[in-house]
Amino acid sequence: MNLEWPKTPRELLEARYKAFVEGNIEYIFNTHHPETRSQVDRNAVENWSKNSRWLGLSIENEDIQNERAALTFTVRYEKDFETVDHRELAEFRKDEGKWFYFDSEFPQPVSLKREGPKVGRNDPCPCGSEKKFKKCCGK
């Protein structure tokens, strides 16, 4: 593990991911913000870390403003023969000049609702061409 404290929220997130991969529970615990550290369930973190096969981290969005930052990321792991895409919107805060993981929420996938009626491949094309949808706009 890096001996130097991460300088950015992204570096901290990457270092925390590495700690999960390596089972370094102490690092995960120590990089939690002092205000929220007491809420960490060490046993749950250790179980998740040590009983998962870690498959990757992707950071999708960063919003850094002074002493606070929000990063949206997805961690892919396998546990109990199931592959999981764990997505978080994580909040990071500075304390005494250092970045810490503060808290997170779990964004729900957005469901799309069809505006118009469903058009099948063999239905007449809604454009009015009198062709089947598959031969017209459905190409």
N, C-alpha and C. Protein backbone atom coordinates (compact mmCIF):
# COMPACT_ATOMS: atom_id res chain seq x y z
N MET A 1 0.85 -1.18 0.00
CA MET A 1 0.00 0.00 0.00
C MET A 1 0.89 1.24 0.00
N ASN A 2 0.48 2.26 -0.69
CA ASN A 2 1.21 3.53 -0.72
C ASN A 2 1.41 4.08 0.68
N LEU A 3 2.61 4.54 0.98
CA LEU A 3 2.85 5.17 2.28
C LEU A 3 2.42 6.63 2.26
N GLU A 4 2.40 7.23 1.08
CA GLU A 4 2.00 8.62 0.94
C GLU A 4 0.47 8.70 0.84
N TRP A 5 -0.11 9.65 1.57
CA TRP A 5 -1.57 9.80 1.56
C TRP A 5 -2.02 10.29 0.18
N PRO A 6 -3.08 9.71 -0.38
CA PRO A 6 -3.55 10.14 -1.70
C PRO A 6 -3.87 11.63 -1.74
N LYS A 7 -3.49 12.28 -2.83
CA LYS A 7 -3.65 13.73 -2.95
C LYS A 7 -5.00 14.15 -3.53
N THR A 8 -5.70 13.23 -4.19
CA THR A 8 -6.98 13.55 -4.80
C THR A 8 -8.02 12.50 -4.41
N PRO A 9 -9.30 12.83 -4.53
CA PRO A 9 -10.33 11.83 -4.25
C PRO A 9 -10.20 10.60 -5.16
N ARG A 10 -9.84 10.81 -6.41
CA ARG A 10 -9.66 9.68 -7.34
C ARG A 10 -8.55 8.76 -6.84
N GLU A 11 -7.42 9.33 -6.45
CA GLU A 11 -6.32 8.52 -5.93
C GLU A 11 -6.75 7.75 -4.68
N LEU A 12 -7.54 8.41 -3.83
CA LEU A 12 -8.02 7.75 -2.61
C LEU A 12 -8.95 6.59 -2.97
N LEU A 13 -9.86 6.81 -3.90
CA LEU A 13 -10.77 5.75 -4.32
C LEU A 13 -9.99 4.57 -4.89
N GLU A 14 -9.00 4.85 -5.72
CA GLU A 14 -8.19 3.78 -6.30
C GLU A 14 -7.41 3.03 -5.22
N ALA A 15 -6.89 3.76 -4.24
CA ALA A 15 -6.14 3.13 -3.14
C ALA A 15 -7.07 2.28 -2.26
N ARG A 16 -8.29 2.78 -2.04
CA ARG A 16 -9.26 2.01 -1.25
C ARG A 16 -9.66 0.73 -1.99
N TYR A 17 -9.84 0.84 -3.31
CA TYR A 17 -10.16 -0.36 -4.10
C TYR A 17 -9.02 -1.39 -3.95
N LYS A 18 -7.79 -0.92 -4.07
CA LYS A 18 -6.64 -1.81 -3.92
C LYS A 18 -6.63 -2.46 -2.54
N ALA A 19 -7.02 -1.68 -1.51
CA ALA A 19 -7.08 -2.22 -0.15
C ALA A 19 -8.15 -3.31 -0.05
N PHE A 20 -9.28 -3.13 -0.73
CA PHE A 20 -10.30 -4.17 -0.75
C PHE A 20 -9.75 -5.43 -1.42
N VAL A 21 -9.05 -5.27 -2.53
CA VAL A 21 -8.48 -6.40 -3.26
C VAL A 21 -7.49 -7.15 -2.36
N GLU A 22 -6.67 -6.41 -1.63
CA GLU A 22 -5.62 -7.02 -0.80
C GLU A 22 -6.10 -7.42 0.59
N GLY A 23 -7.34 -7.06 0.96
CA GLY A 23 -7.85 -7.39 2.29
C GLY A 23 -7.27 -6.51 3.38
N ASN A 24 -6.85 -5.29 3.03
CA ASN A 24 -6.25 -4.37 3.99
C ASN A 24 -7.36 -3.56 4.68
N ILE A 25 -8.02 -4.18 5.63
CA ILE A 25 -9.17 -3.60 6.32
C ILE A 25 -8.77 -2.36 7.11
N GLU A 26 -7.59 -2.37 7.67
CA GLU A 26 -7.11 -1.23 8.46
C GLU A 26 -7.05 0.03 7.60
N TYR A 27 -6.56 -0.11 6.37
CA TYR A 27 -6.47 1.04 5.46
C TYR A 27 -7.87 1.55 5.11
N ILE A 28 -8.77 0.63 4.81
CA ILE A 28 -10.15 1.02 4.48
C ILE A 28 -10.75 1.78 5.65
N PHE A 29 -10.57 1.26 6.85
CA PHE A 29 -11.10 1.90 8.05
C PHE A 29 -10.47 3.27 8.28
N ASN A 30 -9.15 3.36 8.15
CA ASN A 30 -8.44 4.62 8.43
C ASN A 30 -8.69 5.71 7.38
N THR A 31 -9.13 5.34 6.18
CA THR A 31 -9.40 6.34 5.15
C THR A 31 -10.87 6.76 5.14
N HIS A 32 -11.63 6.24 6.09
CA HIS A 32 -13.00 6.72 6.30
C HIS A 32 -12.91 8.03 7.07
N HIS A 33 -13.75 8.98 6.75
CA HIS A 33 -13.74 10.28 7.40
C HIS A 33 -13.97 10.11 8.91
N PRO A 34 -13.24 10.85 9.75
CA PRO A 34 -13.41 10.72 11.20
C PRO A 34 -14.86 10.86 11.69
N GLU A 35 -15.67 11.67 11.01
CA GLU A 35 -17.08 11.85 11.42
C GLU A 35 -17.93 10.60 11.18
N THR A 36 -17.58 9.80 10.18
CA THR A 36 -18.41 8.64 9.84
C THR A 36 -17.73 7.31 10.13
N ARG A 37 -16.52 7.34 10.61
CA ARG A 37 -15.75 6.12 10.84
C ARG A 37 -16.44 5.18 11.82
N SER A 38 -17.12 5.73 12.82
CA SER A 38 -17.78 4.88 13.82
C SER A 38 -18.94 4.08 13.23
N GLN A 39 -19.40 4.46 12.05
CA GLN A 39 -20.52 3.77 11.40
C GLN A 39 -20.05 2.58 10.56
N VAL A 40 -18.76 2.40 10.43
CA VAL A 40 -18.22 1.33 9.60
C VAL A 40 -18.34 0.00 10.35
N ASP A 41 -18.92 -0.98 9.70
CA ASP A 41 -19.02 -2.34 10.25
C ASP A 41 -17.80 -3.11 9.76
N ARG A 42 -16.78 -3.16 10.60
CA ARG A 42 -15.52 -3.79 10.21
C ARG A 42 -15.69 -5.23 9.74
N ASN A 43 -16.54 -5.98 10.44
CA ASN A 43 -16.74 -7.38 10.06
C ASN A 43 -17.35 -7.50 8.68
N ALA A 44 -18.32 -6.64 8.36
CA ALA A 44 -18.96 -6.67 7.04
C ALA A 44 -17.95 -6.29 5.96
N VAL A 45 -17.15 -5.26 6.24
CA VAL A 45 -16.13 -4.83 5.27
C VAL A 45 -15.12 -5.95 5.04
N GLU A 46 -14.68 -6.57 6.13
CA GLU A 46 -13.70 -7.65 6.01
C GLU A 46 -14.29 -8.84 5.24
N ASN A 47 -15.52 -9.19 5.53
CA ASN A 47 -16.19 -10.28 4.82
C ASN A 47 -16.28 -9.98 3.33
N TRP A 48 -16.71 -8.77 3.00
CA TRP A 48 -16.86 -8.38 1.60
C TRP A 48 -15.50 -8.41 0.90
N SER A 49 -14.49 -7.84 1.57
CA SER A 49 -13.16 -7.75 0.99
C SER A 49 -12.54 -9.13 0.75
N LYS A 50 -12.57 -9.95 1.77
CA LYS A 50 -11.83 -11.21 1.71
C LYS A 50 -12.59 -12.34 1.03
N ASN A 51 -13.90 -12.21 0.90
CA ASN A 51 -14.68 -13.28 0.29
C ASN A 51 -15.20 -12.92 -1.10
N SER A 52 -14.56 -11.94 -1.71
CA SER A 52 -14.92 -11.55 -3.07
C SER A 52 -13.70 -11.67 -3.97
N ARG A 53 -13.98 -11.92 -5.22
CA ARG A 53 -12.91 -11.90 -6.24
C ARG A 53 -13.12 -10.60 -7.01
N TRP A 54 -12.18 -9.68 -6.87
CA TRP A 54 -12.31 -8.32 -7.40
C TRP A 54 -11.94 -8.30 -8.87
N LEU A 55 -12.83 -7.71 -9.69
CA LEU A 55 -12.68 -7.76 -11.14
C LEU A 55 -12.44 -6.41 -11.79
N GLY A 56 -12.51 -5.32 -11.02
CA GLY A 56 -12.20 -4.03 -11.62
C GLY A 56 -12.99 -2.87 -11.05
N LEU A 57 -12.42 -1.69 -11.26
CA LEU A 57 -12.99 -0.42 -10.83
C LEU A 57 -13.08 0.49 -12.04
N SER A 58 -14.23 1.13 -12.23
CA SER A 58 -14.33 2.16 -13.26
C SER A 58 -14.97 3.39 -12.64
N ILE A 59 -14.31 4.52 -12.85
CA ILE A 59 -14.80 5.80 -12.32
C ILE A 59 -15.50 6.51 -13.46
N GLU A 60 -16.78 6.81 -13.25
CA GLU A 60 -17.59 7.37 -14.33
C GLU A 60 -17.71 8.88 -14.29
N ASN A 61 -17.63 9.46 -13.09
CA ASN A 61 -17.85 10.90 -12.99
C ASN A 61 -17.16 11.43 -11.73
N GLU A 62 -16.59 12.64 -11.86
CA GLU A 62 -15.96 13.31 -10.73
C GLU A 62 -16.46 14.74 -10.65
N ASP A 63 -16.81 15.17 -9.45
CA ASP A 63 -17.19 16.55 -9.23
C ASP A 63 -16.48 17.00 -7.96
N ILE A 64 -15.41 17.78 -8.12
CA ILE A 64 -14.60 18.22 -6.98
C ILE A 64 -14.80 19.71 -6.79
N GLN A 65 -15.19 20.07 -5.56
CA GLN A 65 -15.40 21.48 -5.24
C GLN A 65 -14.81 21.76 -3.86
N ASN A 66 -13.65 22.39 -3.85
CA ASN A 66 -12.97 22.78 -2.61
C ASN A 66 -12.72 21.60 -1.68
N GLU A 67 -13.47 21.52 -0.60
CA GLU A 67 -13.23 20.51 0.44
C GLU A 67 -14.11 19.28 0.29
N ARG A 68 -14.93 19.23 -0.76
CA ARG A 68 -15.85 18.10 -0.97
C ARG A 68 -15.75 17.62 -2.41
N ALA A 69 -16.03 16.35 -2.58
CA ALA A 69 -16.01 15.77 -3.92
C ALA A 69 -17.05 14.66 -4.00
N ALA A 70 -17.58 14.46 -5.19
CA ALA A 70 -18.51 13.35 -5.44
C ALA A 70 -17.97 12.57 -6.63
N LEU A 71 -17.84 11.27 -6.46
CA LEU A 71 -17.38 10.39 -7.53
C LEU A 71 -18.40 9.28 -7.73
N THR A 72 -18.79 9.09 -8.96
CA THR A 72 -19.65 7.96 -9.30
C THR A 72 -18.74 6.88 -9.87
N PHE A 73 -18.87 5.68 -9.34
CA PHE A 73 -18.00 4.59 -9.79
C PHE A 73 -18.74 3.27 -9.72
N THR A 74 -18.18 2.31 -10.43
CA THR A 74 -18.69 0.94 -10.39
C THR A 74 -17.53 0.00 -10.08
N VAL A 75 -17.76 -0.88 -9.13
CA VAL A 75 -16.81 -1.92 -8.78
C VAL A 75 -17.44 -3.24 -9.21
N ARG A 76 -16.67 -4.02 -9.92
CA ARG A 76 -17.16 -5.33 -10.37
C ARG A 76 -16.44 -6.38 -9.54
N TYR A 77 -17.24 -7.31 -8.98
CA TYR A 77 -16.64 -8.37 -8.18
C TYR A 77 -17.49 -9.63 -8.29
N GLU A 78 -16.91 -10.73 -7.88
CA GLU A 78 -17.62 -12.00 -7.87
C GLU A 78 -17.64 -12.51 -6.43
N LYS A 79 -18.82 -12.90 -5.99
CA LYS A 79 -18.97 -13.46 -4.65
C LYS A 79 -20.04 -14.54 -4.72
N ASP A 80 -19.77 -15.67 -4.13
CA ASP A 80 -20.71 -16.81 -4.14
C ASP A 80 -21.14 -17.15 -5.57
N PHE A 81 -20.19 -17.17 -6.49
CA PHE A 81 -20.40 -17.55 -7.89
C PHE A 81 -21.33 -16.60 -8.64
N GLU A 82 -21.49 -15.39 -8.13
CA GLU A 82 -22.32 -14.39 -8.80
C GLU A 82 -21.47 -13.15 -9.07
N THR A 83 -21.53 -12.64 -10.30
CA THR A 83 -20.81 -11.42 -10.66
C THR A 83 -21.73 -10.22 -10.39
N VAL A 84 -21.19 -9.24 -9.69
CA VAL A 84 -21.98 -8.07 -9.27
C VAL A 84 -21.31 -6.80 -9.77
N ASP A 85 -22.12 -5.89 -10.30
CA ASP A 85 -21.68 -4.54 -10.61
C ASP A 85 -22.22 -3.64 -9.52
N HIS A 86 -21.35 -3.25 -8.59
CA HIS A 86 -21.71 -2.44 -7.43
C HIS A 86 -21.46 -0.97 -7.79
N ARG A 87 -22.53 -0.18 -7.93
CA ARG A 87 -22.41 1.22 -8.34
C ARG A 87 -22.68 2.13 -7.16
N GLU A 88 -21.82 3.13 -6.99
CA GLU A 88 -21.96 4.09 -5.88
C GLU A 88 -21.76 5.51 -6.36
N LEU A 89 -22.43 6.41 -5.68
CA LEU A 89 -22.13 7.84 -5.76
C LEU A 89 -21.53 8.15 -4.40
N ALA A 90 -20.21 8.29 -4.37
CA ALA A 90 -19.48 8.43 -3.11
C ALA A 90 -19.12 9.89 -2.85
N GLU A 91 -19.24 10.26 -1.59
CA GLU A 91 -18.85 11.60 -1.16
C GLU A 91 -17.52 11.52 -0.43
N PHE A 92 -16.62 12.41 -0.80
CA PHE A 92 -15.32 12.52 -0.16
C PHE A 92 -15.22 13.91 0.45
N ARG A 93 -14.59 14.00 1.62
CA ARG A 93 -14.40 15.29 2.26
C ARG A 93 -12.98 15.39 2.80
N LYS A 94 -12.50 16.63 2.82
CA LYS A 94 -11.18 16.88 3.39
C LYS A 94 -11.30 17.11 4.89
N ASP A 95 -10.30 16.63 5.61
CA ASP A 95 -10.18 16.88 7.04
C ASP A 95 -8.70 17.09 7.30
N GLU A 96 -8.37 18.26 7.84
CA GLU A 96 -6.97 18.62 8.12
C GLU A 96 -6.08 18.41 6.89
N GLY A 97 -6.60 18.81 5.73
CA GLY A 97 -5.83 18.78 4.50
C GLY A 97 -5.77 17.45 3.78
N LYS A 98 -6.41 16.41 4.31
CA LYS A 98 -6.39 15.08 3.68
C LYS A 98 -7.80 14.71 3.21
N TRP A 99 -7.86 14.02 2.08
CA TRP A 99 -9.14 13.52 1.58
C TRP A 99 -9.50 12.23 2.30
N PHE A 100 -10.81 12.09 2.63
CA PHE A 100 -11.35 10.89 3.24
C PHE A 100 -12.64 10.50 2.54
N TYR A 101 -12.93 9.20 2.55
CA TYR A 101 -14.23 8.71 2.09
C TYR A 101 -15.23 9.07 3.18
N PHE A 102 -16.31 9.75 2.83
CA PHE A 102 -17.27 10.21 3.83
C PHE A 102 -18.52 9.33 3.87
N ASP A 103 -19.20 9.21 2.74
CA ASP A 103 -20.47 8.46 2.71
C ASP A 103 -20.80 8.16 1.25
N SER A 104 -21.86 7.39 1.05
CA SER A 104 -22.26 7.10 -0.33
C SER A 104 -23.74 6.80 -0.40
N GLU A 105 -24.23 6.88 -1.63
CA GLU A 105 -25.58 6.43 -1.92
C GLU A 105 -25.49 5.54 -3.14
N PHE A 106 -26.53 4.79 -3.38
CA PHE A 106 -26.52 3.81 -4.45
C PHE A 106 -27.57 4.20 -5.48
N PRO A 107 -27.13 4.86 -6.56
CA PRO A 107 -28.10 5.31 -7.57
C PRO A 107 -28.85 4.13 -8.19
N GLN A 108 -30.15 4.30 -8.31
CA GLN A 108 -30.98 3.26 -8.91
C GLN A 108 -30.94 3.42 -10.43
N PRO A 109 -30.97 2.30 -11.15
CA PRO A 109 -31.00 2.40 -12.61
C PRO A 109 -32.28 3.12 -13.05
N VAL A 110 -32.18 3.88 -14.10
CA VAL A 110 -33.31 4.62 -14.62
C VAL A 110 -34.10 3.71 -15.55
N SER A 111 -35.40 3.59 -15.28
CA SER A 111 -36.27 2.81 -16.16
C SER A 111 -36.80 3.71 -17.26
N LEU A 112 -36.72 3.23 -18.48
CA LEU A 112 -37.24 3.98 -19.60
C LEU A 112 -38.65 3.51 -19.91
N LYS A 113 -39.53 4.46 -20.15
CA LYS A 113 -40.91 4.14 -20.47
C LYS A 113 -41.16 4.49 -21.93
N ARG A 114 -41.73 3.53 -22.67
CA ARG A 114 -42.02 3.74 -24.08
C ARG A 114 -43.11 4.78 -24.21
N GLU A 115 -42.89 5.76 -25.09
CA GLU A 115 -43.86 6.83 -25.31
C GLU A 115 -45.04 6.36 -26.15
N GLY A 116 -44.76 5.69 -27.24
CA GLY A 116 -45.81 5.28 -28.16
C GLY A 116 -46.06 3.79 -28.08
N PRO A 117 -46.93 3.30 -28.94
CA PRO A 117 -47.21 1.86 -28.95
C PRO A 117 -46.01 1.08 -29.48
N LYS A 118 -45.91 -0.17 -29.06
CA LYS A 118 -44.84 -1.03 -29.54
C LYS A 118 -45.14 -1.42 -30.98
N VAL A 119 -44.12 -1.31 -31.82
CA VAL A 119 -44.27 -1.67 -33.22
C VAL A 119 -43.46 -2.93 -33.46
N GLY A 120 -44.14 -3.98 -33.92
CA GLY A 120 -43.47 -5.24 -34.23
C GLY A 120 -42.83 -5.20 -35.60
N ARG A 121 -41.91 -6.12 -35.84
CA ARG A 121 -41.19 -6.17 -37.12
C ARG A 121 -42.14 -6.30 -38.31
N ASN A 122 -43.22 -7.05 -38.15
CA ASN A 122 -44.13 -7.30 -39.27
C ASN A 122 -45.34 -6.36 -39.29
N ASP A 123 -45.39 -5.41 -38.36
CA ASP A 123 -46.47 -4.42 -38.35
C ASP A 123 -46.23 -3.38 -39.44
N PRO A 124 -47.30 -2.70 -39.87
CA PRO A 124 -47.12 -1.59 -40.82
C PRO A 124 -46.24 -0.51 -40.19
N CYS A 125 -45.38 0.09 -40.98
CA CYS A 125 -44.47 1.11 -40.47
C CYS A 125 -45.28 2.35 -40.05
N PRO A 126 -44.99 2.90 -38.87
CA PRO A 126 -45.74 4.06 -38.40
C PRO A 126 -45.46 5.33 -39.22
N CYS A 127 -44.49 5.30 -40.12
CA CYS A 127 -44.19 6.50 -40.92
C CYS A 127 -45.21 6.71 -42.03
N GLY A 128 -46.07 5.67 -42.28
CA GLY A 128 -47.10 5.80 -43.30
C GLY A 128 -46.68 5.32 -44.67
N SER A 129 -45.56 4.65 -44.79
CA SER A 129 -45.07 4.20 -46.10
C SER A 129 -45.83 3.00 -46.66
N GLU A 130 -46.63 2.36 -45.82
CA GLU A 130 -47.39 1.15 -46.17
C GLU A 130 -46.49 -0.07 -46.33
N LYS A 131 -45.21 0.05 -45.93
CA LYS A 131 -44.29 -1.11 -45.92
C LYS A 131 -44.31 -1.68 -44.50
N LYS A 132 -43.81 -2.91 -44.39
CA LYS A 132 -43.64 -3.48 -43.06
C LYS A 132 -42.53 -2.69 -42.36
N PHE A 133 -42.66 -2.60 -41.06
CA PHE A 133 -41.67 -1.87 -40.25
C PHE A 133 -40.26 -2.37 -40.50
N LYS A 134 -40.08 -3.70 -40.58
CA LYS A 134 -38.73 -4.28 -40.75
C LYS A 134 -38.11 -3.91 -42.10
N LYS A 135 -38.94 -3.58 -43.09
CA LYS A 135 -38.43 -3.22 -44.42
C LYS A 135 -38.28 -1.71 -44.59
N CYS A 136 -38.74 -0.97 -43.59
CA CYS A 136 -38.73 0.51 -43.72
C CYS A 136 -37.87 1.10 -42.61
N CYS A 137 -38.49 1.72 -41.62
CA CYS A 137 -37.76 2.42 -40.54
C CYS A 137 -37.08 1.48 -39.55
N GLY A 138 -37.44 0.21 -39.56
CA GLY A 138 -36.86 -0.76 -38.65
C GLY A 138 -35.56 -1.37 -39.12
N LYS A 139 -35.02 -0.89 -40.26
CA LYS A 139 -33.76 -1.42 -40.80
C LYS A 139 -32.60 -1.07 -39.92
